[in-house]
N, C-alpha and C. Protein backbone atom coordinates (compact mmCIF):
# COMPACT_ATOMS: atom_id res chain seq x y z
N MET A 1 105.40 -28.26 115.28
CA MET A 1 105.09 -28.19 113.81
C MET A 1 106.22 -29.32 113.42
N GLU A 2 105.95 -30.42 112.46
CA GLU A 2 106.82 -31.58 112.08
C GLU A 2 107.22 -31.04 110.52
N LEU A 3 108.48 -31.28 110.34
CA LEU A 3 108.99 -31.15 109.06
C LEU A 3 109.75 -32.39 108.56
N ARG A 4 109.55 -32.60 107.20
CA ARG A 4 110.20 -33.88 106.74
C ARG A 4 111.18 -33.36 105.57
N ARG A 5 112.24 -34.14 105.37
CA ARG A 5 113.16 -33.91 104.38
C ARG A 5 112.67 -34.45 103.10
N THR A 6 112.60 -33.68 102.02
CA THR A 6 112.21 -34.20 100.62
C THR A 6 113.48 -33.98 99.71
N ARG A 7 113.25 -34.28 98.55
CA ARG A 7 114.44 -34.09 97.59
C ARG A 7 114.57 -32.43 97.26
N ARG A 8 113.43 -31.86 97.36
CA ARG A 8 113.42 -30.35 97.13
C ARG A 8 113.75 -29.49 98.34
N GLY A 9 113.99 -30.11 99.49
CA GLY A 9 114.24 -29.33 100.70
C GLY A 9 113.21 -30.01 101.98
N TRP A 10 112.77 -29.00 102.67
CA TRP A 10 112.05 -29.50 103.79
C TRP A 10 110.56 -29.14 103.36
N ALA A 11 109.60 -30.06 104.00
CA ALA A 11 108.15 -30.04 103.56
C ALA A 11 107.51 -30.38 104.93
N GLU A 12 106.29 -29.76 105.15
CA GLU A 12 105.33 -29.98 106.28
C GLU A 12 104.35 -30.89 105.83
N PRO A 13 104.13 -31.86 106.50
CA PRO A 13 103.05 -33.03 106.28
C PRO A 13 101.65 -32.18 106.04
N GLN A 14 100.82 -32.56 105.28
CA GLN A 14 99.58 -32.11 105.16
C GLN A 14 98.44 -33.09 105.02
N PRO A 15 97.15 -32.88 105.41
CA PRO A 15 96.18 -34.09 105.27
C PRO A 15 95.89 -34.25 103.77
N SER A 16 95.55 -35.45 103.50
CA SER A 16 95.18 -35.73 102.12
C SER A 16 93.64 -35.71 101.75
N HIS A 17 92.82 -35.97 102.93
CA HIS A 17 91.40 -35.92 102.63
C HIS A 17 90.91 -35.23 103.85
N CYS A 18 89.78 -34.77 103.70
CA CYS A 18 88.88 -34.00 104.82
C CYS A 18 88.27 -35.24 105.53
N PRO A 19 88.36 -35.45 106.86
CA PRO A 19 87.72 -36.29 107.68
C PRO A 19 86.34 -36.05 107.93
N ASP A 20 85.66 -34.91 107.61
CA ASP A 20 84.38 -34.81 107.70
C ASP A 20 83.65 -35.05 106.25
N CYS A 21 83.96 -34.62 105.21
CA CYS A 21 83.40 -34.85 103.97
C CYS A 21 84.00 -35.73 103.01
N GLN A 22 85.18 -36.23 103.29
CA GLN A 22 85.98 -37.05 102.55
C GLN A 22 86.58 -36.73 101.17
N GLU A 23 86.48 -35.22 101.03
CA GLU A 23 86.98 -34.57 99.94
C GLU A 23 88.47 -34.84 99.88
N ALA A 24 89.10 -34.83 98.60
CA ALA A 24 90.57 -34.89 98.39
C ALA A 24 91.07 -33.42 98.63
N LEU A 25 92.13 -33.21 99.44
CA LEU A 25 92.51 -31.95 99.92
C LEU A 25 93.68 -31.69 98.95
N GLY A 26 93.97 -30.43 98.51
CA GLY A 26 95.26 -30.21 97.78
C GLY A 26 95.14 -28.67 97.23
N GLY A 27 95.95 -28.29 96.38
CA GLY A 27 95.89 -26.94 95.82
C GLY A 27 94.52 -26.54 95.37
N GLY A 28 94.07 -25.34 95.91
CA GLY A 28 92.69 -24.94 95.56
C GLY A 28 91.49 -25.57 96.30
N ARG A 29 91.83 -26.49 97.16
CA ARG A 29 90.92 -27.28 97.84
C ARG A 29 91.03 -27.11 99.43
N MET A 30 92.06 -26.34 99.83
CA MET A 30 92.09 -26.12 101.38
C MET A 30 92.81 -24.79 101.55
N LEU A 31 92.43 -24.08 102.59
CA LEU A 31 93.04 -23.14 103.19
C LEU A 31 94.04 -23.37 104.18
N VAL A 32 95.31 -22.93 104.06
CA VAL A 32 96.12 -23.28 105.17
C VAL A 32 96.59 -22.03 106.14
N GLY A 33 96.60 -22.21 107.20
CA GLY A 33 96.99 -20.98 108.14
C GLY A 33 97.58 -21.45 109.49
N THR A 34 97.40 -20.49 110.43
CA THR A 34 98.00 -20.82 111.63
C THR A 34 97.23 -20.25 112.82
N ALA A 35 96.93 -20.88 113.96
CA ALA A 35 96.11 -20.54 115.11
C ALA A 35 97.11 -20.50 116.35
N GLN A 36 97.08 -19.37 116.84
CA GLN A 36 97.88 -19.17 118.06
C GLN A 36 97.28 -19.81 119.31
N CYS A 37 97.96 -20.62 120.31
CA CYS A 37 97.31 -21.26 121.36
C CYS A 37 98.00 -20.76 122.55
N SER A 38 97.15 -20.06 123.33
CA SER A 38 97.78 -19.60 124.84
C SER A 38 97.56 -20.78 125.85
N GLY A 39 96.94 -21.83 125.47
CA GLY A 39 96.77 -23.10 126.41
C GLY A 39 98.00 -23.79 126.48
N CYS A 40 98.57 -24.24 125.44
CA CYS A 40 99.53 -25.06 125.21
C CYS A 40 100.91 -24.43 124.82
N GLY A 41 100.77 -23.26 124.46
CA GLY A 41 101.91 -22.31 124.29
C GLY A 41 102.57 -22.51 122.92
N GLN A 42 101.97 -23.17 121.95
CA GLN A 42 102.56 -23.23 120.67
C GLN A 42 101.51 -22.75 119.53
N SER A 43 101.89 -22.90 118.38
CA SER A 43 101.09 -22.66 117.15
C SER A 43 100.62 -24.04 116.67
N HIS A 44 99.36 -23.85 116.12
CA HIS A 44 98.78 -24.91 115.49
C HIS A 44 98.44 -24.64 113.99
N ARG A 45 99.02 -25.51 113.09
CA ARG A 45 98.88 -25.19 111.57
C ARG A 45 97.43 -25.60 111.44
N THR A 46 96.56 -24.90 110.43
CA THR A 46 95.30 -25.18 110.15
C THR A 46 95.32 -25.55 108.78
N HIS A 47 94.38 -26.44 108.50
CA HIS A 47 94.02 -26.79 106.91
C HIS A 47 92.46 -26.95 107.05
N THR A 48 91.95 -25.98 106.32
CA THR A 48 90.51 -25.86 106.08
C THR A 48 89.97 -26.32 104.69
N CYS A 49 89.05 -27.36 104.83
CA CYS A 49 88.50 -27.80 103.64
C CYS A 49 87.45 -26.75 102.98
N THR A 50 87.71 -26.30 101.80
CA THR A 50 86.89 -25.44 101.09
C THR A 50 85.50 -26.00 100.69
N ALA A 51 85.29 -27.27 100.76
CA ALA A 51 84.04 -27.86 100.51
C ALA A 51 83.15 -27.87 101.74
N CYS A 52 83.59 -28.10 102.83
CA CYS A 52 82.56 -28.20 103.87
C CYS A 52 83.09 -27.26 105.13
N TRP A 53 84.17 -26.51 104.93
CA TRP A 53 84.75 -25.60 106.04
C TRP A 53 85.13 -26.32 107.37
N TYR A 54 85.41 -27.63 107.19
CA TYR A 54 85.89 -28.26 108.47
C TYR A 54 87.55 -27.90 108.63
N THR A 55 88.05 -27.63 109.77
CA THR A 55 89.22 -27.19 109.92
C THR A 55 90.08 -28.54 110.70
N ILE A 56 91.18 -28.76 110.36
CA ILE A 56 92.06 -29.87 110.81
C ILE A 56 93.22 -29.06 111.53
N TYR A 57 93.54 -29.41 112.82
CA TYR A 57 94.73 -28.66 113.58
C TYR A 57 95.58 -29.56 113.67
N SER A 58 96.95 -29.11 113.25
CA SER A 58 98.23 -29.77 113.52
C SER A 58 99.15 -29.10 114.39
N PRO A 59 99.58 -29.45 115.46
CA PRO A 59 99.12 -30.83 116.17
C PRO A 59 97.74 -30.65 116.78
N HIS A 60 97.08 -31.62 117.13
CA HIS A 60 95.58 -31.62 117.37
C HIS A 60 95.50 -30.98 118.69
N LEU A 61 94.22 -30.39 118.73
CA LEU A 61 93.81 -29.52 119.83
C LEU A 61 93.55 -30.54 120.91
N THR A 62 93.81 -29.97 122.33
CA THR A 62 93.56 -30.91 123.46
C THR A 62 92.57 -29.90 124.45
N ASP A 63 92.28 -30.49 125.65
CA ASP A 63 91.52 -29.64 126.54
C ASP A 63 92.14 -28.51 126.94
N ARG A 64 93.37 -28.35 126.97
CA ARG A 64 94.15 -27.24 127.39
C ARG A 64 94.19 -26.16 126.39
N CYS A 65 94.02 -26.37 125.25
CA CYS A 65 94.03 -25.36 124.19
C CYS A 65 93.03 -24.34 124.16
N GLU A 66 93.72 -23.03 124.12
CA GLU A 66 92.78 -21.81 124.07
C GLU A 66 93.25 -21.04 122.94
N LEU A 67 92.57 -20.99 121.76
CA LEU A 67 92.87 -20.39 120.54
C LEU A 67 92.78 -18.87 120.77
N SER A 68 93.69 -18.11 120.29
CA SER A 68 93.45 -16.67 120.03
C SER A 68 93.87 -16.05 118.75
N ALA A 69 93.28 -14.96 118.53
CA ALA A 69 93.81 -14.33 117.26
C ALA A 69 95.13 -13.61 117.47
N PHE A 70 95.90 -13.34 116.43
CA PHE A 70 97.18 -12.56 116.46
C PHE A 70 97.08 -11.38 117.26
N ASP A 71 95.83 -10.59 117.24
CA ASP A 71 95.79 -9.41 117.95
C ASP A 71 95.26 -9.62 119.44
N GLY A 72 95.40 -10.76 119.84
CA GLY A 72 94.90 -11.16 121.20
C GLY A 72 93.61 -11.50 121.59
N ARG A 73 92.61 -11.24 120.41
CA ARG A 73 91.35 -11.74 120.89
C ARG A 73 91.10 -13.18 120.83
N ARG A 74 90.24 -13.64 121.88
CA ARG A 74 90.13 -14.96 122.09
C ARG A 74 89.15 -15.62 120.93
N SER A 75 89.62 -16.76 120.47
CA SER A 75 88.75 -17.29 119.48
C SER A 75 87.77 -18.26 120.06
N THR A 76 86.69 -18.52 119.55
CA THR A 76 85.79 -19.67 119.93
C THR A 76 85.90 -20.77 119.02
N ARG A 77 85.62 -22.00 119.64
CA ARG A 77 85.84 -23.06 118.82
C ARG A 77 84.79 -24.11 119.44
N THR A 78 84.03 -24.96 118.54
CA THR A 78 83.08 -25.89 119.05
C THR A 78 83.95 -27.17 119.35
N LEU A 79 83.50 -27.74 120.72
CA LEU A 79 84.25 -28.88 120.95
C LEU A 79 84.01 -30.01 120.06
N GLY A 80 85.14 -30.66 119.78
CA GLY A 80 85.12 -31.79 118.69
C GLY A 80 85.34 -31.18 117.33
N GLN A 81 85.20 -30.01 116.95
CA GLN A 81 85.37 -29.44 115.42
C GLN A 81 86.91 -29.48 115.30
N GLY A 82 87.43 -30.06 114.39
CA GLY A 82 88.79 -29.71 113.81
C GLY A 82 89.75 -30.45 114.77
N THR A 83 89.59 -31.45 115.40
CA THR A 83 90.55 -31.97 116.39
C THR A 83 91.21 -33.22 115.94
N GLU A 84 91.22 -33.15 114.56
CA GLU A 84 91.94 -34.53 113.85
C GLU A 84 93.46 -34.22 113.56
N ASP A 85 94.19 -35.19 113.72
CA ASP A 85 95.49 -34.93 113.24
C ASP A 85 95.57 -35.12 111.75
N SER A 86 96.73 -34.64 111.23
CA SER A 86 96.69 -34.79 109.83
C SER A 86 97.16 -36.21 109.59
N ASP A 87 96.46 -36.73 108.53
CA ASP A 87 96.56 -38.19 108.18
C ASP A 87 97.66 -38.53 107.24
N VAL A 88 98.91 -38.07 107.57
CA VAL A 88 99.99 -38.41 106.56
C VAL A 88 100.87 -39.46 107.16
């Protein structure tokens, strides 16, 4: 997870637009969450567009990534879906 120093403190970069439907993302237009990964051993920040439900993962997903729920259940993901880096 990448943090940037701002005048108000620290901020995490977020995508400005959905790469799938090109909608502007911001307050009320995206859901922010976290996905646990047992493949690479780190958490991925998720930004989900509420217009088309496309999910952007930061850092981006690789072939090693295996997402799992916090309770240990394995998640399924479609190859190619949500593999974009945030475009900040």
